[in-house]
Amino acid sequence: MQDAANRSATLDAARVLDTLAALSLRLSCQCDVPPETLVLKAAHVREACEAIDDAVDALKRILEVTDASGAPVLVESAGGTPRVS
């Protein structure tokens, strides 16, 4: 059971990294327009918001992973000290 949770957390972490890397590339401007004057298309903003929401959901699932006793594996509580496993 714990191995399945660890695999799931690993997949979610990889998904978060992939999503954020893709988002960074998607939003980067490869043009001569100064950043402060750049206007993004609504579709790009909508896609970025969806990608951020997906990444946040995946991170929440990672933080919910518990050990066999039901204790959190990564943090004791929100804002808590990370545990070393």
PDB file of N, CA and C in Angstrom:
ATOM      1  N   MET A   1       0.822  -1.193   0.000  1.00  0.00           N
ATOM      2  CA  MET A   1       0.000   0.000   0.000  1.00  0.00           C
ATOM      3  C   MET A   1       0.865   1.256   0.000  1.00  0.00           C
ATOM      4  N   GLN A   2       1.888   1.257   0.879  1.00  0.00           N
ATOM      5  CA  GLN A   2       2.767   2.422   0.954  1.00  0.00           C
ATOM      6  C   GLN A   2       3.547   2.611  -0.341  1.00  0.00           C
ATOM      7  N   ASP A   3       3.980   1.501  -0.954  1.00  0.00           N
ATOM      8  CA  ASP A   3       4.703   1.600  -2.226  1.00  0.00           C
ATOM      9  C   ASP A   3       3.832   2.242  -3.292  1.00  0.00           C
ATOM     10  N   ALA A   4       2.554   1.901  -3.322  1.00  0.00           N
ATOM     11  CA  ALA A   4       1.635   2.493  -4.288  1.00  0.00           C
ATOM     12  C   ALA A   4       1.490   3.992  -4.038  1.00  0.00           C
ATOM     13  N   ALA A   5       1.419   4.379  -2.762  1.00  0.00           N
ATOM     14  CA  ALA A   5       1.322   5.806  -2.419  1.00  0.00           C
ATOM     15  C   ALA A   5       2.586   6.540  -2.827  1.00  0.00           C
ATOM     16  N   ASN A   6       3.741   5.916  -2.594  1.00  0.00           N
ATOM     17  CA  ASN A   6       5.004   6.546  -2.983  1.00  0.00           C
ATOM     18  C   ASN A   6       5.106   6.695  -4.494  1.00  0.00           C
ATOM     19  N   ARG A   7       4.685   5.665  -5.236  1.00  0.00           N
ATOM     20  CA  ARG A   7       4.703   5.749  -6.705  1.00  0.00           C
ATOM     21  C   ARG A   7       3.769   6.847  -7.187  1.00  0.00           C
ATOM     22  N   SER A   8       2.595   6.918  -6.563  1.00  0.00           N
ATOM     23  CA  SER A   8       1.633   7.953  -6.924  1.00  0.00           C
ATOM     24  C   SER A   8       2.205   9.343  -6.654  1.00  0.00           C
ATOM     25  N   ALA A   9       2.855   9.511  -5.505  1.00  0.00           N
ATOM     26  CA  ALA A   9       3.459  10.804  -5.166  1.00  0.00           C
ATOM     27  C   ALA A   9       4.575  11.148  -6.143  1.00  0.00           C
ATOM     28  N   THR A  10       5.352  10.155  -6.537  1.00  0.00           N
ATOM     29  CA  THR A  10       6.432  10.386  -7.504  1.00  0.00           C
ATOM     30  C   THR A  10       5.867  10.817  -8.847  1.00  0.00           C
ATOM     31  N   LEU A  11       4.801  10.140  -9.281  1.00  0.00           N
ATOM     32  CA  LEU A  11       4.163  10.522 -10.550  1.00  0.00           C
ATOM     33  C   LEU A  11       3.574  11.928 -10.469  1.00  0.00           C
ATOM     34  N   ASP A  12       2.944  12.252  -9.337  1.00  0.00           N
ATOM     35  CA  ASP A  12       2.400  13.596  -9.173  1.00  0.00           C
ATOM     36  C   ASP A  12       3.504  14.647  -9.181  1.00  0.00           C
ATOM     37  N   ALA A  13       4.632  14.358  -8.526  1.00  0.00           N
ATOM     38  CA  ALA A  13       5.748  15.308  -8.514  1.00  0.00           C
ATOM     39  C   ALA A  13       6.290  15.513  -9.929  1.00  0.00           C
ATOM     40  N   ALA A  14       6.415  14.435 -10.685  1.00  0.00           N
ATOM     41  CA  ALA A  14       6.876  14.548 -12.072  1.00  0.00           C
ATOM     42  C   ALA A  14       5.884  15.360 -12.890  1.00  0.00           C
ATOM     43  N   ARG A  15       4.594  15.138 -12.653  1.00  0.00           N
ATOM     44  CA  ARG A  15       3.552  15.888 -13.364  1.00  0.00           C
ATOM     45  C   ARG A  15       3.653  17.384 -13.053  1.00  0.00           C
ATOM     46  N   VAL A  16       3.894  17.705 -11.787  1.00  0.00           N
ATOM     47  CA  VAL A  16       4.036  19.112 -11.390  1.00  0.00           C
ATOM     48  C   VAL A  16       5.217  19.744 -12.121  1.00  0.00           C
ATOM     49  N   LEU A  17       6.354  19.071 -12.110  1.00  0.00           N
ATOM     50  CA  LEU A  17       7.544  19.616 -12.770  1.00  0.00           C
ATOM     51  C   LEU A  17       7.320  19.778 -14.269  1.00  0.00           C
ATOM     52  N   ASP A  18       6.714  18.784 -14.909  1.00  0.00           N
ATOM     53  CA  ASP A  18       6.428  18.877 -16.340  1.00  0.00           C
ATOM     54  C   ASP A  18       5.470  20.021 -16.644  1.00  0.00           C
ATOM     55  N   THR A  19       4.437  20.138 -15.818  1.00  0.00           N
ATOM     56  CA  THR A  19       3.445  21.198 -16.025  1.00  0.00           C
ATOM     57  C   THR A  19       4.069  22.576 -15.890  1.00  0.00           C
ATOM     58  N   LEU A  20       4.868  22.756 -14.848  1.00  0.00           N
ATOM     59  CA  LEU A  20       5.485  24.070 -14.644  1.00  0.00           C
ATOM     60  C   LEU A  20       6.518  24.397 -15.715  1.00  0.00           C
ATOM     61  N   ALA A  21       7.261  23.393 -16.170  1.00  0.00           N
ATOM     62  CA  ALA A  21       8.227  23.625 -17.254  1.00  0.00           C
ATOM     63  C   ALA A  21       7.508  24.003 -18.541  1.00  0.00           C
ATOM     64  N   ALA A  22       6.436  23.297 -18.849  1.00  0.00           N
ATOM     65  CA  ALA A  22       5.664  23.611 -20.057  1.00  0.00           C
ATOM     66  C   ALA A  22       5.028  24.989 -19.946  1.00  0.00           C
ATOM     67  N   LEU A  23       4.535  25.305 -18.769  1.00  0.00           N
ATOM     68  CA  LEU A  23       3.926  26.618 -18.543  1.00  0.00           C
ATOM     69  C   LEU A  23       4.947  27.729 -18.736  1.00  0.00           C
ATOM     70  N   SER A  24       6.133  27.528 -18.229  1.00  0.00           N
ATOM     71  CA  SER A  24       7.192  28.521 -18.383  1.00  0.00           C
ATOM     72  C   SER A  24       7.517  28.764 -19.852  1.00  0.00           C
ATOM     73  N   LEU A  25       7.635  27.675 -20.605  1.00  0.00           N
ATOM     74  CA  LEU A  25       7.909  27.814 -22.038  1.00  0.00           C
ATOM     75  C   LEU A  25       6.759  28.497 -22.762  1.00  0.00           C
ATOM     76  N   ARG A  26       5.541  28.114 -22.401  1.00  0.00           N
ATOM     77  CA  ARG A  26       4.349  28.650 -23.074  1.00  0.00           C
ATOM     78  C   ARG A  26       4.216  30.150 -22.851  1.00  0.00           C
ATOM     79  N   LEU A  27       4.559  30.604 -21.660  1.00  0.00           N
ATOM     80  CA  LEU A  27       4.379  32.017 -21.331  1.00  0.00           C
ATOM     81  C   LEU A  27       5.592  32.881 -21.656  1.00  0.00           C
ATOM     82  N   SER A  28       6.718  32.260 -21.971  1.00  0.00           N
ATOM     83  CA  SER A  28       7.896  33.062 -22.278  1.00  0.00           C
ATOM     84  C   SER A  28       7.711  33.734 -23.633  1.00  0.00           C
ATOM     85  N   CYS A  29       8.172  34.929 -23.701  1.00  0.00           N
ATOM     86  CA  CYS A  29       8.036  35.700 -24.942  1.00  0.00           C
ATOM     87  C   CYS A  29       9.355  35.652 -25.696  1.00  0.00           C
ATOM     88  N   GLN A  30       9.306  35.157 -26.891  1.00  0.00           N
ATOM     89  CA  GLN A  30      10.486  35.085 -27.737  1.00  0.00           C
ATOM     90  C   GLN A  30      10.448  36.247 -28.746  1.00  0.00           C
ATOM     91  N   CYS A  31      10.227  37.428 -28.233  1.00  0.00           N
ATOM     92  CA  CYS A  31      10.071  38.569 -29.131  1.00  0.00           C
ATOM     93  C   CYS A  31      10.809  39.785 -28.575  1.00  0.00           C
ATOM     94  N   ASP A  32      10.723  40.873 -29.315  1.00  0.00           N
ATOM     95  CA  ASP A  32      11.409  42.099 -28.933  1.00  0.00           C
ATOM     96  C   ASP A  32      10.524  43.060 -28.144  1.00  0.00           C
ATOM     97  N   VAL A  33       9.386  42.585 -27.674  1.00  0.00           N
ATOM     98  CA  VAL A  33       8.472  43.424 -26.909  1.00  0.00           C
ATOM     99  C   VAL A  33       8.939  43.459 -25.461  1.00  0.00           C
ATOM    100  N   PRO A  34       9.077  44.652 -24.876  1.00  0.00           N
ATOM    101  CA  PRO A  34       9.475  44.733 -23.464  1.00  0.00           C
ATOM    102  C   PRO A  34       8.457  44.012 -22.578  1.00  0.00           C
ATOM    103  N   PRO A  35       8.911  43.277 -21.572  1.00  0.00           N
ATOM    104  CA  PRO A  35       8.001  42.489 -20.723  1.00  0.00           C
ATOM    105  C   PRO A  35       6.860  43.301 -20.120  1.00  0.00           C
ATOM    106  N   GLU A  36       7.126  44.548 -19.749  1.00  0.00           N
ATOM    107  CA  GLU A  36       6.084  45.354 -19.112  1.00  0.00           C
ATOM    108  C   GLU A  36       4.974  45.770 -20.073  1.00  0.00           C
ATOM    109  N   THR A  37       5.178  45.591 -21.386  1.00  0.00           N
ATOM    110  CA  THR A  37       4.140  45.943 -22.353  1.00  0.00           C
ATOM    111  C   THR A  37       3.528  44.719 -23.021  1.00  0.00           C
ATOM    112  N   LEU A  38       3.975  43.548 -22.632  1.00  0.00           N
ATOM    113  CA  LEU A  38       3.492  42.309 -23.225  1.00  0.00           C
ATOM    114  C   LEU A  38       2.045  42.040 -22.822  1.00  0.00           C
ATOM    115  N   VAL A  39       1.230  41.702 -23.791  1.00  0.00           N
ATOM    116  CA  VAL A  39      -0.163  41.349 -23.542  1.00  0.00           C
ATOM    117  C   VAL A  39      -0.361  39.914 -24.018  1.00  0.00           C
ATOM    118  N   LEU A  40      -0.850  39.073 -23.116  1.00  0.00           N
ATOM    119  CA  LEU A  40      -1.081  37.670 -23.452  1.00  0.00           C
ATOM    120  C   LEU A  40      -2.499  37.480 -23.971  1.00  0.00           C
ATOM    121  N   LYS A  41      -2.648  36.556 -24.888  1.00  0.00           N
ATOM    122  CA  LYS A  41      -3.976  36.198 -25.381  1.00  0.00           C
ATOM    123  C   LYS A  41      -4.753  35.548 -24.236  1.00  0.00           C
ATOM    124  N   ALA A  42      -6.068  35.734 -24.254  1.00  0.00           N
ATOM    125  CA  ALA A  42      -6.917  35.166 -23.206  1.00  0.00           C
ATOM    126  C   ALA A  42      -6.752  33.650 -23.125  1.00  0.00           C
ATOM    127  N   ALA A  43      -6.591  32.997 -24.256  1.00  0.00           N
ATOM    128  CA  ALA A  43      -6.424  31.540 -24.259  1.00  0.00           C
ATOM    129  C   ALA A  43      -5.153  31.131 -23.518  1.00  0.00           C
ATOM    130  N   HIS A  44      -4.083  31.913 -23.670  1.00  0.00           N
ATOM    131  CA  HIS A  44      -2.832  31.606 -22.962  1.00  0.00           C
ATOM    132  C   HIS A  44      -3.012  31.769 -21.461  1.00  0.00           C
ATOM    133  N   VAL A  45      -3.724  32.806 -21.059  1.00  0.00           N
ATOM    134  CA  VAL A  45      -3.952  33.041 -19.638  1.00  0.00           C
ATOM    135  C   VAL A  45      -4.818  31.924 -19.063  1.00  0.00           C
ATOM    136  N   ARG A  46      -5.859  31.533 -19.780  1.00  0.00           N
ATOM    137  CA  ARG A  46      -6.741  30.463 -19.328  1.00  0.00           C
ATOM    138  C   ARG A  46      -5.963  29.148 -19.187  1.00  0.00           C
ATOM    139  N   GLU A  47      -5.135  28.824 -20.188  1.00  0.00           N
ATOM    140  CA  GLU A  47      -4.317  27.611 -20.133  1.00  0.00           C
ATOM    141  C   GLU A  47      -3.334  27.663 -18.966  1.00  0.00           C
ATOM    142  N   ALA A  48      -2.755  28.834 -18.731  1.00  0.00           N
ATOM    143  CA  ALA A  48      -1.813  28.989 -17.622  1.00  0.00           C
ATOM    144  C   ALA A  48      -2.513  28.774 -16.289  1.00  0.00           C
ATOM    145  N   CYS A  49      -3.697  29.328 -16.143  1.00  0.00           N
ATOM    146  CA  CYS A  49      -4.451  29.149 -14.897  1.00  0.00           C
ATOM    147  C   CYS A  49      -4.803  27.682 -14.683  1.00  0.00           C
ATOM    148  N   GLU A  50      -5.205  26.979 -15.739  1.00  0.00           N
ATOM    149  CA  GLU A  50      -5.525  25.556 -15.622  1.00  0.00           C
ATOM    150  C   GLU A  50      -4.281  24.746 -15.253  1.00  0.00           C
ATOM    151  N   ALA A  51      -3.146  25.086 -15.849  1.00  0.00           N
ATOM    152  CA  ALA A  51      -1.902  24.378 -15.544  1.00  0.00           C
ATOM    153  C   ALA A  51      -1.491  24.605 -14.092  1.00  0.00           C
ATOM    154  N   ILE A  52      -1.638  25.820 -13.619  1.00  0.00           N
ATOM    155  CA  ILE A  52      -1.305  26.125 -12.224  1.00  0.00           C
ATOM    156  C   ILE A  52      -2.240  25.364 -11.291  1.00  0.00           C
ATOM    157  N   ASP A  53      -3.535  25.335 -11.604  1.00  0.00           N
ATOM    158  CA  ASP A  53      -4.490  24.595 -10.780  1.00  0.00           C
ATOM    159  C   ASP A  53      -4.139  23.108 -10.738  1.00  0.00           C
ATOM    160  N   ASP A  54      -3.776  22.533 -11.881  1.00  0.00           N
ATOM    161  CA  ASP A  54      -3.385  21.117 -11.934  1.00  0.00           C
ATOM    162  C   ASP A  54      -2.152  20.859 -11.076  1.00  0.00           C
ATOM    163  N   ALA A  55      -1.175  21.745 -11.164  1.00  0.00           N
ATOM    164  CA  ALA A  55       0.055  21.592 -10.382  1.00  0.00           C
ATOM    165  C   ALA A  55      -0.240  21.699  -8.889  1.00  0.00           C
ATOM    166  N   VAL A  56      -1.081  22.625  -8.501  1.00  0.00           N
ATOM    167  CA  VAL A  56      -1.443  22.784  -7.085  1.00  0.00           C
ATOM    168  C   VAL A  56      -2.161  21.535  -6.578  1.00  0.00           C
ATOM    169  N   ASP A  57      -3.091  21.008  -7.377  1.00  0.00           N
ATOM    170  CA  ASP A  57      -3.801  19.789  -6.972  1.00  0.00           C
ATOM    171  C   ASP A  57      -2.831  18.621  -6.797  1.00  0.00           C
ATOM    172  N   ALA A  58      -1.882  18.490  -7.708  1.00  0.00           N
ATOM    173  CA  ALA A  58      -0.897  17.407  -7.610  1.00  0.00           C
ATOM    174  C   ALA A  58      -0.035  17.574  -6.361  1.00  0.00           C
ATOM    175  N   LEU A  59       0.382  18.800  -6.063  1.00  0.00           N
ATOM    176  CA  LEU A  59       1.178  19.043  -4.859  1.00  0.00           C
ATOM    177  C   LEU A  59       0.379  18.722  -3.602  1.00  0.00           C
ATOM    178  N   LYS A  60      -0.908  19.031  -3.595  1.00  0.00           N
ATOM    179  CA  LYS A  60      -1.740  18.692  -2.440  1.00  0.00           C
ATOM    180  C   LYS A  60      -1.795  17.181  -2.249  1.00  0.00           C
ATOM    181  N   ARG A  61      -1.915  16.424  -3.346  1.00  0.00           N
ATOM    182  CA  ARG A  61      -1.937  14.965  -3.233  1.00  0.00           C
ATOM    183  C   ARG A  61      -0.614  14.445  -2.687  1.00  0.00           C
ATOM    184  N   ILE A  62       0.479  15.038  -3.117  1.00  0.00           N
ATOM    185  CA  ILE A  62       1.797  14.624  -2.617  1.00  0.00           C
ATOM    186  C   ILE A  62       1.879  14.862  -1.111  1.00  0.00           C
ATOM    187  N   LEU A  63       1.396  15.991  -0.656  1.00  0.00           N
ATOM    188  CA  LEU A  63       1.484  16.329   0.764  1.00  0.00           C
ATOM    189  C   LEU A  63       0.548  15.494   1.630  1.00  0.00           C
ATOM    190  N   GLU A  64      -0.415  14.795   1.014  1.00  0.00           N
ATOM    191  CA  GLU A  64      -1.338  13.950   1.762  1.00  0.00           C
ATOM    192  C   GLU A  64      -0.805  12.529   1.952  1.00  0.00           C
ATOM    193  N   VAL A  65       0.333  12.192   1.358  1.00  0.00           N
ATOM    194  CA  VAL A  65       0.881  10.843   1.476  1.00  0.00           C
ATOM    195  C   VAL A  65       1.217  10.566   2.939  1.00  0.00           C
ATOM    196  N   THR A  66       0.781   9.396   3.421  1.00  0.00           N
ATOM    197  CA  THR A  66       1.028   9.021   4.810  1.00  0.00           C
ATOM    198  C   THR A  66       1.787   7.696   4.864  1.00  0.00           C
ATOM    199  N   ASP A  67       2.372   7.422   6.028  1.00  0.00           N
ATOM    200  CA  ASP A  67       3.051   6.135   6.211  1.00  0.00           C
ATOM    201  C   ASP A  67       2.026   5.092   6.672  1.00  0.00           C
ATOM    202  N   ALA A  68       2.484   3.890   6.993  1.00  0.00           N
ATOM    203  CA  ALA A  68       1.594   2.791   7.362  1.00  0.00           C
ATOM    204  C   ALA A  68       0.731   3.108   8.583  1.00  0.00           C
ATOM    205  N   SER A  69       1.243   3.949   9.483  1.00  0.00           N
ATOM    206  CA  SER A  69       0.478   4.292  10.687  1.00  0.00           C
ATOM    207  C   SER A  69      -0.523   5.416  10.437  1.00  0.00           C
ATOM    208  N   GLY A  70      -0.467   6.001   9.239  1.00  0.00           N
ATOM    209  CA  GLY A  70      -1.367   7.109   8.923  1.00  0.00           C
ATOM    210  C   GLY A  70      -0.759   8.473   9.169  1.00  0.00           C
ATOM    211  N   ALA A  71       0.496   8.499   9.630  1.00  0.00           N
ATOM    212  CA  ALA A  71       1.182   9.772   9.884  1.00  0.00           C
ATOM    213  C   ALA A  71       1.654  10.371   8.563  1.00  0.00           C
ATOM    214  N   PRO A  72       1.596  11.689   8.423  1.00  0.00           N
ATOM    215  CA  PRO A  72       2.080  12.331   7.190  1.00  0.00           C
ATOM    216  C   PRO A  72       3.554  12.006   6.952  1.00  0.00           C
ATOM    217  N   VAL A  73       3.896  11.758   5.720  1.00  0.00           N
ATOM    218  CA  VAL A  73       5.271  11.426   5.371  1.00  0.00           C
ATOM    219  C   VAL A  73       6.105  12.684   5.177  1.00  0.00           C
ATOM    220  N   LEU A  74       5.524  13.711   4.607  1.00  0.00           N
ATOM    221  CA  LEU A  74       6.311  14.885   4.225  1.00  0.00           C
ATOM    222  C   LEU A  74       6.275  16.009   5.239  1.00  0.00           C
ATOM    223  N   VAL A  75       5.121  16.332   5.779  1.00  0.00           N
ATOM    224  CA  VAL A  75       5.021  17.429   6.747  1.00  0.00           C
ATOM    225  C   VAL A  75       4.062  17.039   7.856  1.00  0.00           C
ATOM    226  N   GLU A  76       4.306  17.558   9.043  1.00  0.00           N
ATOM    227  CA  GLU A  76       3.426  17.279  10.167  1.00  0.00           C
ATOM    228  C   GLU A  76       2.083  17.980   9.980  1.00  0.00           C
ATOM    229  N   SER A  77       2.105  19.221   9.517  1.00  0.00           N
ATOM    230  CA  SER A  77       0.889  19.975   9.268  1.00  0.00           C
ATOM    231  C   SER A  77       1.257  21.141   8.376  1.00  0.00           C
ATOM    232  N   ALA A  78       0.255  21.876   7.938  1.00  0.00           N
ATOM    233  CA  ALA A  78       0.529  23.041   7.103  1.00  0.00           C
ATOM    234  C   ALA A  78       1.466  23.971   7.864  1.00  0.00           C
ATOM    235  N   GLY A  79       2.560  24.309   7.246  1.00  0.00           N
ATOM    236  CA  GLY A  79       3.541  25.164   7.893  1.00  0.00           C
ATOM    237  C   GLY A  79       4.424  24.435   8.868  1.00  0.00           C
ATOM    238  N   GLY A  80       4.276  23.102   8.917  1.00  0.00           N
ATOM    239  CA  GLY A  80       5.062  22.314   9.863  1.00  0.00           C
ATOM    240  C   GLY A  80       6.466  22.071   9.361  1.00  0.00           C
ATOM    241  N   THR A  81       7.244  21.416  10.190  1.00  0.00           N
ATOM    242  CA  THR A  81       8.616  21.086   9.842  1.00  0.00           C
ATOM    243  C   THR A  81       8.633  19.807   9.010  1.00  0.00           C
ATOM    244  N   PRO A  82       9.315  19.786   7.865  1.00  0.00           N
ATOM    245  CA  PRO A  82       9.385  18.575   7.070  1.00  0.00           C
ATOM    246  C   PRO A  82      10.030  17.438   7.848  1.00  0.00           C
ATOM    247  N   ARG A  83       9.495  16.234   7.656  1.00  0.00           N
ATOM    248  CA  ARG A  83      10.050  15.047   8.298  1.00  0.00           C
ATOM    249  C   ARG A  83      11.056  14.403   7.370  1.00  0.00           C
ATOM    250  N   VAL A  84      12.049  13.784   7.957  1.00  0.00           N
ATOM    251  CA  VAL A  84      13.014  13.025   7.165  1.00  0.00           C
ATOM    252  C   VAL A  84      12.580  11.586   7.205  1.00  0.00           C
ATOM    253  N   SER A  85      12.360  10.983   6.010  1.00  0.00           N
ATOM    254  CA  SER A  85      11.930   9.590   5.986  1.00  0.00           C
ATOM    255  C   SER A  85      13.061   8.678   5.625  1.00  0.00           C
TER     256      SER A  85
END
